[in-house]
Amino acid sequence: MRAIRLVDYDPAWPALFRRRRREIAALIACPVEIHHIGSTSVPGLCAKPKLDIDTILQSNEARIEATERLRNDGYVFHGDLHEADRWAFTRDEVPYGTRLYLCVPDNPAHHERILFRDYLRSHAEAARNYAALKQRLAAEAFGDWDHYTGGKSDFVADIIGKALAEART
């Protein structure tokens, strides 16, 4: 197993996302929305060296067409990794790779990822706590992605609950 690598926040990530968003939009030709998600989307937060991007498409047919275009452009298709109706793709790029998810409108997993991102963006202490948790889990996981990802689950669920509560007020 290879070690789980986290890197410090890079202030170039927002501009890199904008560039990749333009490239993905041109390649897919009709995305509804393209969002920068994950740790690279939260200023100051450490992250794996890969930008996470959620792309919302009009329909499953559009997603099938986009899959073929992405594959032809060097993206590797991984299927629905988390059984959340989000199709995952990766592409190794320098200096940071891309992890791209395709979903259709009203996807609950996408909605939760936006809530989580926005909460961390507006609550610096929560972002610092998340960074500390990620660093601890990466150090103790010894390449065990299930340990790393699973160890974040309760924290993520708690933050989503807080974000939902804030949205109701």
Protein backbone atom coordinates (compact mmCIF):
# COMPACT_ATOMS: atom_id res chain seq x y z
CA MET A 1 0.00 0.00 0.00
CA ARG A 2 1.20 3.49 -0.73
CA ALA A 3 1.12 6.14 1.96
CA ILE A 4 -1.70 8.64 2.03
CA ARG A 5 -0.10 11.93 1.11
CA LEU A 6 -1.45 15.30 2.16
CA VAL A 7 -0.01 18.58 0.96
CA ASP A 8 -0.34 22.08 2.39
CA TYR A 9 -2.91 24.40 0.88
CA ASP A 10 -1.75 25.88 -2.41
CA PRO A 11 -3.16 29.34 -3.20
CA ALA A 12 -2.98 28.35 -6.89
CA TRP A 13 -5.84 25.83 -6.44
CA PRO A 14 -8.73 28.25 -7.16
CA ALA A 15 -7.16 29.38 -10.45
CA LEU A 16 -6.31 25.79 -11.35
CA PHE A 17 -9.93 24.82 -10.72
CA ARG A 18 -11.18 27.65 -12.97
CA ARG A 19 -8.88 26.44 -15.76
CA ARG A 20 -10.02 22.82 -15.34
CA ARG A 21 -13.65 23.92 -15.17
CA ARG A 22 -13.27 25.62 -18.57
CA GLU A 23 -11.58 22.51 -20.01
CA ILE A 24 -14.24 20.16 -18.63
CA ALA A 25 -17.09 22.41 -19.82
CA ALA A 26 -15.64 22.47 -23.33
CA LEU A 27 -15.04 18.73 -23.33
CA ILE A 28 -18.45 17.73 -21.97
CA ALA A 29 -20.38 20.37 -23.90
CA CYS A 30 -23.47 21.08 -21.75
CA PRO A 31 -22.79 20.67 -18.07
CA VAL A 32 -25.43 22.26 -15.88
CA GLU A 33 -22.97 23.14 -13.11
CA ILE A 34 -19.32 22.48 -12.25
CA HIS A 35 -18.24 22.80 -8.60
CA HIS A 36 -14.88 22.79 -6.86
CA ILE A 37 -15.38 20.51 -3.86
CA GLY A 38 -13.20 18.65 -1.41
CA SER A 39 -10.33 19.97 0.65
CA THR A 40 -8.64 21.85 -2.20
CA SER A 41 -11.75 24.06 -2.34
CA VAL A 42 -11.33 25.27 1.27
CA PRO A 43 -8.74 28.04 1.70
CA GLY A 44 -5.99 27.03 4.11
CA LEU A 45 -6.93 23.34 4.30
CA CYS A 46 -4.40 20.59 3.60
CA ALA A 47 -5.46 18.10 0.93
CA LYS A 48 -4.50 15.13 -1.16
CA PRO A 49 -2.69 16.44 -4.26
CA LYS A 50 -5.81 16.14 -6.44
CA LEU A 51 -8.60 18.61 -7.19
CA ASP A 52 -12.10 17.23 -6.56
CA ILE A 53 -14.72 18.46 -9.00
CA ASP A 54 -18.45 17.68 -9.13
CA THR A 55 -20.13 18.14 -12.50
CA ILE A 56 -23.91 18.13 -12.77
CA LEU A 57 -25.38 17.02 -16.09
CA GLN A 58 -28.98 17.27 -17.34
CA SER A 59 -29.62 13.55 -17.63
CA ASN A 60 -28.16 10.09 -17.43
CA GLU A 61 -27.91 10.09 -21.23
CA ALA A 62 -25.73 13.20 -21.06
CA ARG A 63 -23.59 11.46 -18.44
CA ILE A 64 -23.10 8.45 -20.73
CA GLU A 65 -22.00 10.76 -23.57
CA ALA A 66 -19.69 12.69 -21.23
CA THR A 67 -18.12 9.43 -20.04
CA GLU A 68 -17.00 8.59 -23.56
CA ARG A 69 -15.58 12.08 -24.12
CA LEU A 70 -13.72 12.01 -20.80
CA ARG A 71 -12.23 8.59 -21.52
CA ASN A 72 -11.03 9.81 -24.91
CA ASP A 73 -9.36 12.75 -23.15
CA GLY A 74 -7.35 10.56 -20.77
CA TYR A 75 -9.68 10.32 -17.78
CA VAL A 76 -9.87 6.90 -16.12
CA PHE A 77 -13.44 5.78 -15.33
CA HIS A 78 -13.90 4.19 -11.90
CA GLY A 79 -17.69 3.70 -11.85
CA ASP A 80 -19.94 4.64 -8.95
CA LEU A 81 -17.33 4.20 -6.21
CA HIS A 82 -19.49 5.14 -3.24
CA GLU A 83 -22.87 3.95 -4.52
CA ALA A 84 -24.09 7.55 -4.48
CA ASP A 85 -25.00 7.79 -8.18
CA ARG A 86 -21.84 9.80 -8.87
CA TRP A 87 -19.58 8.41 -11.55
CA ALA A 88 -15.92 8.90 -10.68
CA PHE A 89 -13.03 9.67 -13.01
CA THR A 90 -9.39 10.49 -12.36
CA ARG A 91 -6.64 11.96 -14.44
CA ASP A 92 -3.05 12.32 -13.34
CA GLU A 93 -1.85 15.81 -14.04
CA VAL A 94 1.05 17.95 -12.89
CA PRO A 95 1.31 19.40 -10.33
CA TYR A 96 -2.12 18.19 -9.12
CA GLY A 97 -4.38 15.51 -10.49
CA THR A 98 -8.13 15.65 -10.97
CA ARG A 99 -10.87 13.53 -9.41
CA LEU A 100 -14.04 14.29 -11.32
CA TYR A 101 -17.54 13.14 -10.42
CA LEU A 102 -20.51 13.21 -12.77
CA CYS A 103 -24.04 13.26 -11.40
CA VAL A 104 -27.50 14.39 -12.38
CA PRO A 105 -29.48 17.20 -10.70
CA ASP A 106 -30.70 16.77 -7.12
CA ASN A 107 -28.02 14.24 -6.20
CA PRO A 108 -28.01 14.02 -2.37
CA ALA A 109 -24.29 13.21 -2.14
CA HIS A 110 -23.42 16.28 -4.21
CA HIS A 111 -25.68 18.44 -2.05
CA GLU A 112 -23.94 17.19 1.12
CA ARG A 113 -20.52 17.87 -0.35
CA ILE A 114 -21.52 21.47 -1.07
CA LEU A 115 -22.90 21.87 2.47
CA PHE A 116 -19.67 20.46 3.92
CA ARG A 117 -17.43 22.66 1.75
CA ASP A 118 -19.38 25.82 2.48
CA TYR A 119 -19.47 25.15 6.22
CA LEU A 120 -15.70 24.67 6.34
CA ARG A 121 -15.19 27.81 4.27
CA SER A 122 -17.17 29.89 6.76
CA HIS A 123 -16.02 28.19 10.01
CA ALA A 124 -12.24 28.38 10.35
CA GLU A 125 -12.14 26.36 13.58
CA ALA A 126 -14.03 23.47 11.97
CA ALA A 127 -11.60 23.58 9.02
CA ARG A 128 -8.62 23.49 11.40
CA ASN A 129 -10.15 20.54 13.28
CA TYR A 130 -10.75 18.73 10.00
CA ALA A 131 -7.15 19.33 8.93
CA ALA A 132 -5.85 17.93 12.22
CA LEU A 133 -8.10 14.88 11.88
CA LYS A 134 -6.96 14.26 8.30
CA GLN A 135 -3.29 14.54 9.24
CA ARG A 136 -3.69 12.16 12.18
CA LEU A 137 -5.61 9.62 10.09
CA ALA A 138 -3.12 9.79 7.21
CA ALA A 139 -0.24 9.18 9.61
CA GLU A 140 -1.85 6.21 11.32
CA ALA A 141 -3.50 4.65 8.25
CA PHE A 142 -0.27 3.30 6.68
CA GLY A 143 -1.94 3.45 3.26
CA ASP A 144 -5.24 1.95 4.42
CA TRP A 145 -7.76 4.13 2.60
CA ASP A 146 -10.70 2.52 4.40
CA HIS A 147 -9.19 3.61 7.74
CA TYR A 148 -8.49 7.12 6.45
CA THR A 149 -11.88 7.65 4.83
CA GLY A 150 -13.86 5.86 7.53
CA GLY A 151 -12.13 7.84 10.23
CA LYS A 152 -13.51 11.05 8.76
CA SER A 153 -17.13 9.83 8.52
CA ASP A 154 -18.38 10.95 11.94
CA PHE A 155 -16.75 14.37 11.59
CA VAL A 156 -18.24 14.86 8.12
CA ALA A 157 -21.71 13.77 9.28
CA ASP A 158 -21.51 16.16 12.24
CA ILE A 159 -20.55 19.09 10.01
CA ILE A 160 -23.33 18.31 7.53
CA GLY A 161 -25.79 18.25 10.43
CA LYS A 162 -24.53 21.64 11.62
CA ALA A 163 -24.73 23.05 8.10
CA LEU A 164 -28.31 21.83 7.71
CA ALA A 165 -29.24 23.35 11.09
CA GLU A 166 -27.72 26.69 10.05
CA ALA A 167 -29.58 26.59 6.74
CA ARG A 168 -32.89 26.21 8.61
CA THR A 169 -32.29 29.32 10.71
